[in-house]
PDB file of N, CA and C in Angstrom:
ATOM      1  N   MET A   1     -58.615 -78.832  84.870  1.00  0.00           N
ATOM      2  CA  MET A   1     -58.418 -80.108  84.240  1.00  0.00           C
ATOM      3  C   MET A   1     -57.491 -80.961  85.094  1.00  0.00           C
ATOM      4  N   GLU A   2     -57.795 -82.227  85.129  1.00  0.00           N
ATOM      5  CA  GLU A   2     -57.031 -83.160  85.945  1.00  0.00           C
ATOM      6  C   GLU A   2     -55.720 -83.557  85.259  1.00  0.00           C
ATOM      7  N   ILE A   3     -54.686 -83.722  86.076  1.00  0.00           N
ATOM      8  CA  ILE A   3     -53.408 -84.254  85.614  1.00  0.00           C
ATOM      9  C   ILE A   3     -53.283 -85.658  86.178  1.00  0.00           C
ATOM     10  N   THR A   4     -52.951 -86.615  85.313  1.00  0.00           N
ATOM     11  CA  THR A   4     -52.720 -87.991  85.741  1.00  0.00           C
ATOM     12  C   THR A   4     -51.247 -88.295  85.570  1.00  0.00           C
ATOM     13  N   ARG A   5     -50.631 -88.840  86.619  1.00  0.00           N
ATOM     14  CA  ARG A   5     -49.217 -89.208  86.575  1.00  0.00           C
ATOM     15  C   ARG A   5     -49.097 -90.720  86.702  1.00  0.00           C
ATOM     16  N   LEU A   6     -48.375 -91.331  85.771  1.00  0.00           N
ATOM     17  CA  LEU A   6     -48.181 -92.777  85.776  1.00  0.00           C
ATOM     18  C   LEU A   6     -46.816 -93.138  86.336  1.00  0.00           C
ATOM     19  N   GLU A   7     -46.808 -94.137  87.190  1.00  0.00           N
ATOM     20  CA  GLU A   7     -45.583 -94.642  87.801  1.00  0.00           C
ATOM     21  C   GLU A   7     -44.726 -93.519  88.384  1.00  0.00           C
ATOM     22  N   PRO A   8     -45.313 -92.736  89.308  1.00  0.00           N
ATOM     23  CA  PRO A   8     -44.540 -91.642  89.899  1.00  0.00           C
ATOM     24  C   PRO A   8     -43.421 -92.165  90.805  1.00  0.00           C
ATOM     25  N   ALA A   9     -42.307 -91.446  90.795  1.00  0.00           N
ATOM     26  CA  ALA A   9     -41.168 -91.724  91.662  1.00  0.00           C
ATOM     27  C   ALA A   9     -40.771 -90.414  92.338  1.00  0.00           C
ATOM     28  N   ALA A  10     -39.683 -90.429  93.071  1.00  0.00           N
ATOM     29  CA  ALA A  10     -39.262 -89.243  93.818  1.00  0.00           C
ATOM     30  C   ALA A  10     -38.892 -88.070  92.911  1.00  0.00           C
ATOM     31  N   ARG A  11     -38.296 -88.354  91.730  1.00  0.00           N
ATOM     32  CA  ARG A  11     -37.826 -87.268  90.857  1.00  0.00           C
ATOM     33  C   ARG A  11     -38.652 -87.083  89.605  1.00  0.00           C
ATOM     34  N   TRP A  12     -39.373 -88.101  89.161  1.00  0.00           N
ATOM     35  CA  TRP A  12     -40.157 -87.987  87.938  1.00  0.00           C
ATOM     36  C   TRP A  12     -41.218 -89.062  87.907  1.00  0.00           C
ATOM     37  N   CYS A  13     -42.104 -88.956  86.923  1.00  0.00           N
ATOM     38  CA  CYS A  13     -43.064 -90.022  86.644  1.00  0.00           C
ATOM     39  C   CYS A  13     -42.807 -90.480  85.210  1.00  0.00           C
ATOM     40  N   GLU A  14     -43.260 -91.668  84.884  1.00  0.00           N
ATOM     41  CA  GLU A  14     -43.032 -92.186  83.532  1.00  0.00           C
ATOM     42  C   GLU A  14     -43.834 -91.424  82.489  1.00  0.00           C
ATOM     43  N   ALA A  15     -45.008 -90.929  82.876  1.00  0.00           N
ATOM     44  CA  ALA A  15     -45.818 -90.136  81.951  1.00  0.00           C
ATOM     45  C   ALA A  15     -46.774 -89.261  82.748  1.00  0.00           C
ATOM     46  N   ALA A  16     -47.096 -88.123  82.179  1.00  0.00           N
ATOM     47  CA  ALA A  16     -48.097 -87.226  82.752  1.00  0.00           C
ATOM     48  C   ALA A  16     -49.089 -86.890  81.637  1.00  0.00           C
ATOM     49  N   THR A  17     -50.362 -87.041  81.969  1.00  0.00           N
ATOM     50  CA  THR A  17     -51.420 -86.789  80.993  1.00  0.00           C
ATOM     51  C   THR A  17     -52.243 -85.593  81.440  1.00  0.00           C
ATOM     52  N   HIS A  18     -52.528 -84.712  80.474  1.00  0.00           N
ATOM     53  CA  HIS A  18     -53.357 -83.546  80.751  1.00  0.00           C
ATOM     54  C   HIS A  18     -54.035 -83.117  79.456  1.00  0.00           C
ATOM     55  N   ASP A  19     -55.305 -82.872  79.529  1.00  0.00           N
ATOM     56  CA  ASP A  19     -56.059 -82.309  78.410  1.00  0.00           C
ATOM     57  C   ASP A  19     -55.871 -83.106  77.108  1.00  0.00           C
ATOM     58  N   GLY A  20     -55.875 -84.442  77.236  1.00  0.00           N
ATOM     59  CA  GLY A  20     -55.807 -85.296  76.064  1.00  0.00           C
ATOM     60  C   GLY A  20     -54.427 -85.499  75.472  1.00  0.00           C
ATOM     61  N   VAL A  21     -53.394 -85.059  76.200  1.00  0.00           N
ATOM     62  CA  VAL A  21     -52.018 -85.190  75.725  1.00  0.00           C
ATOM     63  C   VAL A  21     -51.185 -85.915  76.777  1.00  0.00           C
ATOM     64  N   VAL A  22     -50.361 -86.874  76.329  1.00  0.00           N
ATOM     65  CA  VAL A  22     -49.480 -87.649  77.204  1.00  0.00           C
ATOM     66  C   VAL A  22     -48.042 -87.187  76.974  1.00  0.00           C
ATOM     67  N   HIS A  23     -47.363 -86.830  78.055  1.00  0.00           N
ATOM     68  CA  HIS A  23     -45.954 -86.445  78.017  1.00  0.00           C
ATOM     69  C   HIS A  23     -45.169 -87.585  78.650  1.00  0.00           C
ATOM     70  N   VAL A  24     -44.328 -88.246  77.857  1.00  0.00           N
ATOM     71  CA  VAL A  24     -43.591 -89.414  78.321  1.00  0.00           C
ATOM     72  C   VAL A  24     -42.164 -89.017  78.705  1.00  0.00           C
ATOM     73  N   ALA A  25     -41.748 -89.476  79.892  1.00  0.00           N
ATOM     74  CA  ALA A  25     -40.388 -89.221  80.371  1.00  0.00           C
ATOM     75  C   ALA A  25     -39.370 -89.942  79.503  1.00  0.00           C
ATOM     76  N   GLY A  26     -38.107 -89.603  79.673  1.00  0.00           N
ATOM     77  CA  GLY A  26     -37.035 -90.234  78.918  1.00  0.00           C
ATOM     78  C   GLY A  26     -36.995 -91.740  79.134  1.00  0.00           C
ATOM     79  N   GLN A  27     -37.019 -92.473  78.042  1.00  0.00           N
ATOM     80  CA  GLN A  27     -36.983 -93.934  78.084  1.00  0.00           C
ATOM     81  C   GLN A  27     -35.623 -94.416  77.596  1.00  0.00           C
ATOM     82  N   VAL A  28     -35.103 -95.444  78.248  1.00  0.00           N
ATOM     83  CA  VAL A  28     -33.796 -95.997  77.914  1.00  0.00           C
ATOM     84  C   VAL A  28     -33.917 -97.508  77.759  1.00  0.00           C
ATOM     85  N   GLY A  29     -32.898 -98.088  77.150  1.00  0.00           N
ATOM     86  CA  GLY A  29     -32.822 -99.532  77.005  1.00  0.00           C
ATOM     87  C   GLY A  29     -31.884-100.114  78.045  1.00  0.00           C
ATOM     88  N   PRO A  30     -31.455-101.362  77.862  1.00  0.00           N
ATOM     89  CA  PRO A  30     -30.590-102.013  78.847  1.00  0.00           C
ATOM     90  C   PRO A  30     -29.227-101.329  78.970  1.00  0.00           C
ATOM     91  N   ALA A  31     -28.868-100.990  80.194  1.00  0.00           N
ATOM     92  CA  ALA A  31     -27.598-100.306  80.461  1.00  0.00           C
ATOM     93  C   ALA A  31     -26.421-101.124  79.945  1.00  0.00           C
ATOM     94  N   GLY A  32     -25.473-100.430  79.326  1.00  0.00           N
ATOM     95  CA  GLY A  32     -24.251-101.060  78.872  1.00  0.00           C
ATOM     96  C   GLY A  32     -24.341-101.779  77.540  1.00  0.00           C
ATOM     97  N   ALA A  33     -25.540-101.886  76.978  1.00  0.00           N
ATOM     98  CA  ALA A  33     -25.714-102.578  75.696  1.00  0.00           C
ATOM     99  C   ALA A  33     -25.312-101.660  74.535  1.00  0.00           C
ATOM    100  N   ASP A  34     -25.216-102.254  73.344  1.00  0.00           N
ATOM    101  CA  ASP A  34     -24.878-101.478  72.150  1.00  0.00           C
ATOM    102  C   ASP A  34     -26.071-100.617  71.721  1.00  0.00           C
ATOM    103  N   ILE A  35     -25.856 -99.734  70.758  1.00  0.00           N
ATOM    104  CA  ILE A  35     -26.890 -98.784  70.348  1.00  0.00           C
ATOM    105  C   ILE A  35     -28.125 -99.476  69.789  1.00  0.00           C
ATOM    106  N   LEU A  36     -27.966-100.551  69.040  1.00  0.00           N
ATOM    107  CA  LEU A  36     -29.133-101.250  68.489  1.00  0.00           C
ATOM    108  C   LEU A  36     -30.002-101.822  69.602  1.00  0.00           C
ATOM    109  N   THR A  37     -29.374-102.474  70.569  1.00  0.00           N
ATOM    110  CA  THR A  37     -30.106-103.077  71.690  1.00  0.00           C
ATOM    111  C   THR A  37     -30.742-102.011  72.564  1.00  0.00           C
ATOM    112  N   GLN A  38     -30.004-100.942  72.850  1.00  0.00           N
ATOM    113  CA  GLN A  38     -30.566 -99.878  73.682  1.00  0.00           C
ATOM    114  C   GLN A  38     -31.710 -99.170  72.969  1.00  0.00           C
ATOM    115  N   THR A  39     -31.596 -98.961  71.665  1.00  0.00           N
ATOM    116  CA  THR A  39     -32.686 -98.313  70.933  1.00  0.00           C
ATOM    117  C   THR A  39     -33.927 -99.199  70.954  1.00  0.00           C
ATOM    118  N   ARG A  40     -33.777-100.483  70.675  1.00  0.00           N
ATOM    119  CA  ARG A  40     -34.921-101.405  70.730  1.00  0.00           C
ATOM    120  C   ARG A  40     -35.551-101.394  72.118  1.00  0.00           C
ATOM    121  N   GLY A  41     -34.726-101.406  73.148  1.00  0.00           N
ATOM    122  CA  GLY A  41     -35.230-101.401  74.517  1.00  0.00           C
ATOM    123  C   GLY A  41     -35.962-100.116  74.860  1.00  0.00           C
ATOM    124  N   ALA A  42     -35.407 -98.978  74.461  1.00  0.00           N
ATOM    125  CA  ALA A  42     -36.050 -97.693  74.736  1.00  0.00           C
ATOM    126  C   ALA A  42     -37.394 -97.590  74.016  1.00  0.00           C
ATOM    127  N   LEU A  43     -37.450 -98.060  72.774  1.00  0.00           N
ATOM    128  CA  LEU A  43     -38.715 -98.022  72.028  1.00  0.00           C
ATOM    129  C   LEU A  43     -39.738 -98.995  72.612  1.00  0.00           C
ATOM    130  N   ALA A  44     -39.286-100.132  73.117  1.00  0.00           N
ATOM    131  CA  ALA A  44     -40.191-101.070  73.784  1.00  0.00           C
ATOM    132  C   ALA A  44     -40.766-100.434  75.051  1.00  0.00           C
ATOM    133  N   GLU A  45     -39.933 -99.725  75.788  1.00  0.00           N
ATOM    134  CA  GLU A  45     -40.420 -99.020  76.977  1.00  0.00           C
ATOM    135  C   GLU A  45     -41.392 -97.906  76.594  1.00  0.00           C
ATOM    136  N   LEU A  46     -41.100 -97.204  75.513  1.00  0.00           N
ATOM    137  CA  LEU A  46     -42.015 -96.173  75.032  1.00  0.00           C
ATOM    138  C   LEU A  46     -43.362 -96.794  74.685  1.00  0.00           C
ATOM    139  N   ASP A  47     -43.354 -97.922  73.974  1.00  0.00           N
ATOM    140  CA  ASP A  47     -44.610 -98.634  73.673  1.00  0.00           C
ATOM    141  C   ASP A  47     -45.362 -98.986  74.954  1.00  0.00           C
ATOM    142  N   ARG A  48     -44.633 -99.479  75.963  1.00  0.00           N
ATOM    143  CA  ARG A  48     -45.249 -99.886  77.227  1.00  0.00           C
ATOM    144  C   ARG A  48     -45.921 -98.699  77.926  1.00  0.00           C
ATOM    145  N   VAL A  49     -45.211 -97.590  78.008  1.00  0.00           N
ATOM    146  CA  VAL A  49     -45.747 -96.413  78.702  1.00  0.00           C
ATOM    147  C   VAL A  49     -46.922 -95.819  77.924  1.00  0.00           C
ATOM    148  N   LEU A  50     -46.811 -95.784  76.607  1.00  0.00           N
ATOM    149  CA  LEU A  50     -47.935 -95.299  75.801  1.00  0.00           C
ATOM    150  C   LEU A  50     -49.166 -96.165  76.033  1.00  0.00           C
ATOM    151  N   ALA A  51     -49.000 -97.482  76.056  1.00  0.00           N
ATOM    152  CA  ALA A  51     -50.134 -98.390  76.293  1.00  0.00           C
ATOM    153  C   ALA A  51     -50.741 -98.161  77.675  1.00  0.00           C
ATOM    154  N   LEU A  52     -49.901 -97.997  78.686  1.00  0.00           N
ATOM    155  CA  LEU A  52     -50.420 -97.710  80.037  1.00  0.00           C
ATOM    156  C   LEU A  52     -51.205 -96.408  80.064  1.00  0.00           C
ATOM    157  N   SER A  53     -50.821 -95.488  79.205  1.00  0.00           N
ATOM    158  CA  SER A  53     -51.481 -94.182  79.145  1.00  0.00           C
ATOM    159  C   SER A  53     -52.768 -94.214  78.323  1.00  0.00           C
ATOM    160  N   GLY A  54     -52.979 -95.313  77.598  1.00  0.00           N
ATOM    161  CA  GLY A  54     -54.186 -95.430  76.784  1.00  0.00           C
ATOM    162  C   GLY A  54     -54.009 -94.997  75.341  1.00  0.00           C
ATOM    163  N   THR A  55     -52.771 -95.007  74.858  1.00  0.00           N
ATOM    164  CA  THR A  55     -52.523 -94.603  73.479  1.00  0.00           C
ATOM    165  C   THR A  55     -51.450 -95.505  72.872  1.00  0.00           C
ATOM    166  N   ASP A  56     -50.958 -95.159  71.699  1.00  0.00           N
ATOM    167  CA  ASP A  56     -49.920 -95.957  71.050  1.00  0.00           C
ATOM    168  C   ASP A  56     -49.111 -95.074  70.101  1.00  0.00           C
ATOM    169  N   LYS A  57     -48.118 -95.690  69.446  1.00  0.00           N
ATOM    170  CA  LYS A  57     -47.204 -94.911  68.604  1.00  0.00           C
ATOM    171  C   LYS A  57     -47.878 -94.251  67.411  1.00  0.00           C
ATOM    172  N   SER A  58     -49.047 -94.718  67.011  1.00  0.00           N
ATOM    173  CA  SER A  58     -49.748 -94.062  65.898  1.00  0.00           C
ATOM    174  C   SER A  58     -50.286 -92.685  66.299  1.00  0.00           C
ATOM    175  N   HIS A  59     -50.284 -92.393  67.599  1.00  0.00           N
ATOM    176  CA  HIS A  59     -50.762 -91.107  68.102  1.00  0.00           C
ATOM    177  C   HIS A  59     -49.629 -90.189  68.572  1.00  0.00           C
ATOM    178  N   LEU A  60     -48.383 -90.571  68.275  1.00  0.00           N
ATOM    179  CA  LEU A  60     -47.264 -89.715  68.662  1.00  0.00           C
ATOM    180  C   LEU A  60     -47.348 -88.367  67.955  1.00  0.00           C
ATOM    181  N   LEU A  61     -47.118 -87.312  68.703  1.00  0.00           N
ATOM    182  CA  LEU A  61     -47.068 -85.961  68.151  1.00  0.00           C
ATOM    183  C   LEU A  61     -45.632 -85.524  67.926  1.00  0.00           C
ATOM    184  N   SER A  62     -44.772 -85.789  68.924  1.00  0.00           N
ATOM    185  CA  SER A  62     -43.364 -85.421  68.799  1.00  0.00           C
ATOM    186  C   SER A  62     -42.498 -86.381  69.605  1.00  0.00           C
ATOM    187  N   VAL A  63     -41.262 -86.512  69.149  1.00  0.00           N
ATOM    188  CA  VAL A  63     -40.270 -87.367  69.809  1.00  0.00           C
ATOM    189  C   VAL A  63     -38.944 -86.623  69.806  1.00  0.00           C
ATOM    190  N   THR A  64     -38.246 -86.686  70.931  1.00  0.00           N
ATOM    191  CA  THR A  64     -36.889 -86.161  71.020  1.00  0.00           C
ATOM    192  C   THR A  64     -35.972 -87.320  71.377  1.00  0.00           C
ATOM    193  N   ILE A  65     -34.908 -87.477  70.616  1.00  0.00           N
ATOM    194  CA  ILE A  65     -33.949 -88.554  70.825  1.00  0.00           C
ATOM    195  C   ILE A  65     -32.604 -87.937  71.156  1.00  0.00           C
ATOM    196  N   TRP A  66     -32.049 -88.340  72.292  1.00  0.00           N
ATOM    197  CA  TRP A  66     -30.725 -87.887  72.697  1.00  0.00           C
ATOM    198  C   TRP A  66     -29.765 -89.055  72.558  1.00  0.00           C
ATOM    199  N   LEU A  67     -28.675 -88.835  71.833  1.00  0.00           N
ATOM    200  CA  LEU A  67     -27.635 -89.843  71.655  1.00  0.00           C
ATOM    201  C   LEU A  67     -26.378 -89.405  72.396  1.00  0.00           C
ATOM    202  N   GLY A  68     -25.782 -90.325  73.137  1.00  0.00           N
ATOM    203  CA  GLY A  68     -24.522 -90.037  73.810  1.00  0.00           C
ATOM    204  C   GLY A  68     -23.394 -89.799  72.817  1.00  0.00           C
ATOM    205  N   ASP A  69     -23.520 -90.399  71.639  1.00  0.00           N
ATOM    206  CA  ASP A  69     -22.535 -90.229  70.568  1.00  0.00           C
ATOM    207  C   ASP A  69     -23.292 -90.109  69.247  1.00  0.00           C
ATOM    208  N   ILE A  70     -23.248 -88.953  68.633  1.00  0.00           N
ATOM    209  CA  ILE A  70     -24.004 -88.712  67.400  1.00  0.00           C
ATOM    210  C   ILE A  70     -23.547 -89.649  66.278  1.00  0.00           C
ATOM    211  N   ALA A  71     -22.389 -90.276  66.428  1.00  0.00           N
ATOM    212  CA  ALA A  71     -21.936 -91.263  65.438  1.00  0.00           C
ATOM    213  C   ALA A  71     -22.876 -92.476  65.392  1.00  0.00           C
ATOM    214  N   ASP A  72     -23.713 -92.654  66.409  1.00  0.00           N
ATOM    215  CA  ASP A  72     -24.684 -93.754  66.445  1.00  0.00           C
ATOM    216  C   ASP A  72     -25.978 -93.430  65.686  1.00  0.00           C
ATOM    217  N   PHE A  73     -26.040 -92.260  65.056  1.00  0.00           N
ATOM    218  CA  PHE A  73     -27.261 -91.791  64.395  1.00  0.00           C
ATOM    219  C   PHE A  73     -27.794 -92.789  63.361  1.00  0.00           C
ATOM    220  N   ALA A  74     -26.964 -93.264  62.464  1.00  0.00           N
ATOM    221  CA  ALA A  74     -27.421 -94.181  61.407  1.00  0.00           C
ATOM    222  C   ALA A  74     -27.906 -95.508  61.987  1.00  0.00           C
ATOM    223  N   ALA A  75     -27.172 -96.062  62.936  1.00  0.00           N
ATOM    224  CA  ALA A  75     -27.582 -97.331  63.555  1.00  0.00           C
ATOM    225  C   ALA A  75     -28.908 -97.163  64.294  1.00  0.00           C
ATOM    226  N   MET A  76     -29.049 -96.063  65.049  1.00  0.00           N
ATOM    227  CA  MET A  76     -30.310 -95.802  65.748  1.00  0.00           C
ATOM    228  C   MET A  76     -31.448 -95.692  64.750  1.00  0.00           C
ATOM    229  N   ASN A  77     -31.221 -94.971  63.643  1.00  0.00           N
ATOM    230  CA  ASN A  77     -32.273 -94.806  62.640  1.00  0.00           C
ATOM    231  C   ASN A  77     -32.686 -96.135  62.008  1.00  0.00           C
ATOM    232  N   SER A  78     -31.782 -97.095  61.906  1.00  0.00           N
ATOM    233  CA  SER A  78     -32.162 -98.402  61.343  1.00  0.00           C
ATOM    234  C   SER A  78     -33.191 -99.094  62.221  1.00  0.00           C
ATOM    235  N   VAL A  79     -33.084 -98.930  63.531  1.00  0.00           N
ATOM    236  CA  VAL A  79     -34.073 -99.495  64.457  1.00  0.00           C
ATOM    237  C   VAL A  79     -35.340 -98.643  64.441  1.00  0.00           C
ATOM    238  N   TRP A  80     -35.178 -97.328  64.480  1.00  0.00           N
ATOM    239  CA  TRP A  80     -36.321 -96.412  64.444  1.00  0.00           C
ATOM    240  C   TRP A  80     -37.192 -96.670  63.214  1.00  0.00           C
ATOM    241  N   ASP A  81     -36.561 -96.783  62.039  1.00  0.00           N
ATOM    242  CA  ASP A  81     -37.305 -96.944  60.790  1.00  0.00           C
ATOM    243  C   ASP A  81     -38.136 -98.226  60.787  1.00  0.00           C
ATOM    244  N   ALA A  82     -37.655 -99.265  61.437  1.00  0.00           N
ATOM    245  CA  ALA A  82     -38.407-100.521  61.527  1.00  0.00           C
ATOM    246  C   ALA A  82     -39.543-100.427  62.538  1.00  0.00           C
ATOM    247  N   TRP A  83     -39.437 -99.506  63.502  1.00  0.00           N
ATOM    248  CA  TRP A  83     -40.421 -99.386  64.584  1.00  0.00           C
ATOM    249  C   TRP A  83     -41.520 -98.365  64.295  1.00  0.00           C
ATOM    250  N   VAL A  84     -41.166 -97.218  63.763  1.00  0.00           N
ATOM    251  CA  VAL A  84     -42.115 -96.107  63.635  1.00  0.00           C
ATOM    252  C   VAL A  84     -43.267 -96.478  62.693  1.00  0.00           C
ATOM    253  N   ASP A  85     -44.455 -95.954  62.989  1.00  0.00           N
ATOM    254  CA  ASP A  85     -45.617 -96.143  62.122  1.00  0.00           C
ATOM    255  C   ASP A  85     -45.425 -95.246  60.896  1.00  0.00           C
ATOM    256  N   PRO A  86     -45.180 -95.824  59.718  1.00  0.00           N
ATOM    257  CA  PRO A  86     -44.868 -95.002  58.546  1.00  0.00           C
ATOM    258  C   PRO A  86     -46.025 -94.114  58.087  1.00  0.00           C
ATOM    259  N   ASN A  87     -47.241 -94.409  58.526  1.00  0.00           N
ATOM    260  CA  ASN A  87     -48.392 -93.590  58.162  1.00  0.00           C
ATOM    261  C   ASN A  87     -48.670 -92.482  59.173  1.00  0.00           C
ATOM    262  N   ASN A  88     -47.942 -92.507  60.288  1.00  0.00           N
ATOM    263  CA  ASN A  88     -48.180 -91.533  61.366  1.00  0.00           C
ATOM    264  C   ASN A  88     -46.860 -91.111  62.001  1.00  0.00           C
ATOM    265  N   THR A  89     -45.916 -90.666  61.189  1.00  0.00           N
ATOM    266  CA  THR A  89     -44.626 -90.264  61.741  1.00  0.00           C
ATOM    267  C   THR A  89     -44.779 -88.983  62.565  1.00  0.00           C
ATOM    268  N   PRO A  90     -44.125 -88.937  63.727  1.00  0.00           N
ATOM    269  CA  PRO A  90     -44.205 -87.742  64.568  1.00  0.00           C
ATOM    270  C   PRO A  90     -43.182 -86.690  64.146  1.00  0.00           C
ATOM    271  N   ALA A  91     -43.366 -85.484  64.621  1.00  0.00           N
ATOM    272  CA  ALA A  91     -42.296 -84.492  64.551  1.00  0.00           C
ATOM    273  C   ALA A  91     -41.155 -85.049  65.397  1.00  0.00           C
ATOM    274  N   ARG A  92     -39.910 -84.898  64.924  1.00  0.00           N
ATOM    275  CA  ARG A  92     -38.803 -85.534  65.639  1.00  0.00           C
ATOM    276  C   ARG A  92     -37.570 -84.664  65.610  1.00  0.00           C
ATOM    277  N   ALA A  93     -36.832 -84.690  66.715  1.00  0.00           N
ATOM    278  CA  ALA A  93     -35.522 -84.049  66.795  1.00  0.00           C
ATOM    279  C   ALA A  93     -34.559 -85.046  67.412  1.00  0.00           C
ATOM    280  N   THR A  94     -33.309 -85.016  66.942  1.00  0.00           N
ATOM    281  CA  THR A  94     -32.263 -85.891  67.478  1.00  0.00           C
ATOM    282  C   THR A  94     -31.028 -85.046  67.715  1.00  0.00           C
ATOM    283  N   GLY A  95     -30.402 -85.252  68.857  1.00  0.00           N
ATOM    284  CA  GLY A  95     -29.183 -84.511  69.153  1.00  0.00           C
ATOM    285  C   GLY A  95     -28.183 -85.374  69.890  1.00  0.00           C
ATOM    286  N   GLY A  96     -26.932 -84.973  69.810  1.00  0.00           N
ATOM    287  CA  GLY A  96     -25.868 -85.615  70.571  1.00  0.00           C
ATOM    288  C   GLY A  96     -25.608 -84.815  71.829  1.00  0.00           C
ATOM    289  N   ILE A  97     -25.573 -85.512  72.957  1.00  0.00           N
ATOM    290  CA  ILE A  97     -25.410 -84.846  74.240  1.00  0.00           C
ATOM    291  C   ILE A  97     -24.837 -85.857  75.236  1.00  0.00           C
ATOM    292  N   PRO A  98     -23.964 -85.437  76.137  1.00  0.00           N
ATOM    293  CA  PRO A  98     -23.524 -86.375  77.173  1.00  0.00           C
ATOM    294  C   PRO A  98     -24.720 -86.729  78.073  1.00  0.00           C
ATOM    295  N   LEU A  99     -25.016 -88.006  78.194  1.00  0.00           N
ATOM    296  CA  LEU A  99     -26.124 -88.427  79.047  1.00  0.00           C
ATOM    297  C   LEU A  99     -25.635 -88.540  80.494  1.00  0.00           C
ATOM    298  N   ALA A 100     -26.559 -88.461  81.436  1.00  0.00           N
ATOM    299  CA  ALA A 100     -26.210 -88.414  82.857  1.00  0.00           C
ATOM    300  C   ALA A 100     -25.475 -89.669  83.327  1.00  0.00           C
ATOM    301  N   ASP A 101     -25.795 -90.828  82.756  1.00  0.00           N
ATOM    302  CA  ASP A 101     -25.164 -92.091  83.130  1.00  0.00           C
ATOM    303  C   ASP A 101     -24.491 -92.658  81.887  1.00  0.00           C
ATOM    304  N   PRO A 102     -23.177 -92.841  81.900  1.00  0.00           N
ATOM    305  CA  PRO A 102     -22.467 -93.297  80.699  1.00  0.00           C
ATOM    306  C   PRO A 102     -22.845 -94.709  80.244  1.00  0.00           C
ATOM    307  N   ASP A 103     -23.557 -95.469  81.066  1.00  0.00           N
ATOM    308  CA  ASP A 103     -24.017 -96.798  80.642  1.00  0.00           C
ATOM    309  C   ASP A 103     -25.184 -96.712  79.668  1.00  0.00           C
ATOM    310  N   TYR A 104     -25.793 -95.525  79.569  1.00  0.00           N
ATOM    311  CA  TYR A 104     -26.890 -95.309  78.626  1.00  0.00           C
ATOM    312  C   TYR A 104     -26.388 -94.435  77.489  1.00  0.00           C
ATOM    313  N   ILE A 105     -26.670 -94.862  76.249  1.00  0.00           N
ATOM    314  CA  ILE A 105     -26.175 -94.112  75.093  1.00  0.00           C
ATOM    315  C   ILE A 105     -27.310 -93.551  74.241  1.00  0.00           C
ATOM    316  N   ILE A 106     -28.556 -93.766  74.698  1.00  0.00           N
ATOM    317  CA  ILE A 106     -29.716 -93.184  74.033  1.00  0.00           C
ATOM    318  C   ILE A 106     -30.815 -92.970  75.075  1.00  0.00           C
ATOM    319  N   GLU A 107     -31.544 -91.875  74.921  1.00  0.00           N
ATOM    320  CA  GLU A 107     -32.723 -91.601  75.743  1.00  0.00           C
ATOM    321  C   GLU A 107     -33.766 -90.967  74.826  1.00  0.00           C
ATOM    322  N   ILE A 108     -35.013 -91.424  74.962  1.00  0.00           N
ATOM    323  CA  ILE A 108     -36.083 -90.978  74.072  1.00  0.00           C
ATOM    324  C   ILE A 108     -37.243 -90.433  74.900  1.00  0.00           C
ATOM    325  N   THR A 109     -37.668 -89.198  74.603  1.00  0.00           N
ATOM    326  CA  THR A 109     -38.867 -88.627  75.206  1.00  0.00           C
ATOM    327  C   THR A 109     -39.920 -88.455  74.115  1.00  0.00           C
ATOM    328  N   ALA A 110     -41.183 -88.385  74.524  1.00  0.00           N
ATOM    329  CA  ALA A 110     -42.243 -88.291  73.527  1.00  0.00           C
ATOM    330  C   ALA A 110     -43.458 -87.563  74.084  1.00  0.00           C
ATOM    331  N   VAL A 111     -44.252 -87.062  73.152  1.00  0.00           N
ATOM    332  CA  VAL A 111     -45.555 -86.469  73.445  1.00  0.00           C
ATOM    333  C   VAL A 111     -46.545 -87.146  72.498  1.00  0.00           C
ATOM    334  N   ALA A 112     -47.675 -87.605  73.042  1.00  0.00           N
ATOM    335  CA  ALA A 112     -48.679 -88.300  72.228  1.00  0.00           C
ATOM    336  C   ALA A 112     -50.069 -87.820  72.582  1.00  0.00           C
ATOM    337  N   ALA A 113     -50.963 -87.933  71.625  1.00  0.00           N
ATOM    338  CA  ALA A 113     -52.374 -87.620  71.850  1.00  0.00           C
ATOM    339  C   ALA A 113     -53.086 -88.865  72.351  1.00  0.00           C
ATOM    340  N   LEU A 114     -54.102 -88.657  73.172  1.00  0.00           N
ATOM    341  CA  LEU A 114     -54.987 -89.760  73.537  1.00  0.00           C
ATOM    342  C   LEU A 114     -56.024 -89.922  72.435  1.00  0.00           C
ATOM    343  N   PRO A 115     -56.371 -91.171  72.076  1.00  0.00           N
ATOM    344  CA  PRO A 115     -57.362 -91.367  70.991  1.00  0.00           C
ATOM    345  C   PRO A 115     -58.751 -90.888  71.408  1.00  0.00           C
TER     346      PRO A 115
END
């Protein structure tokens, strides 16, 4: 089976598709912004990469959200709840972890099915 890689770079690609499943790399919002702005930005990037892959958020299978500060959980969820397809919610995990670059306070990875 063929593997398709979207927007490949030296260390990663934005998404890899295989056997009808899209694996999306960690998406972030604007560096240095507050949690609401970064969450909106990361979800907008997720939408963009899903569209490039030929799918959308209604086909999400799972999402992992990493927060630089777990105290941002409620604020992040306020943006998530407005964005997520309420009829097709994915399996989801959220954790607090120091992110590699302190200017980013949220990173979102996802797995989606192709329609």
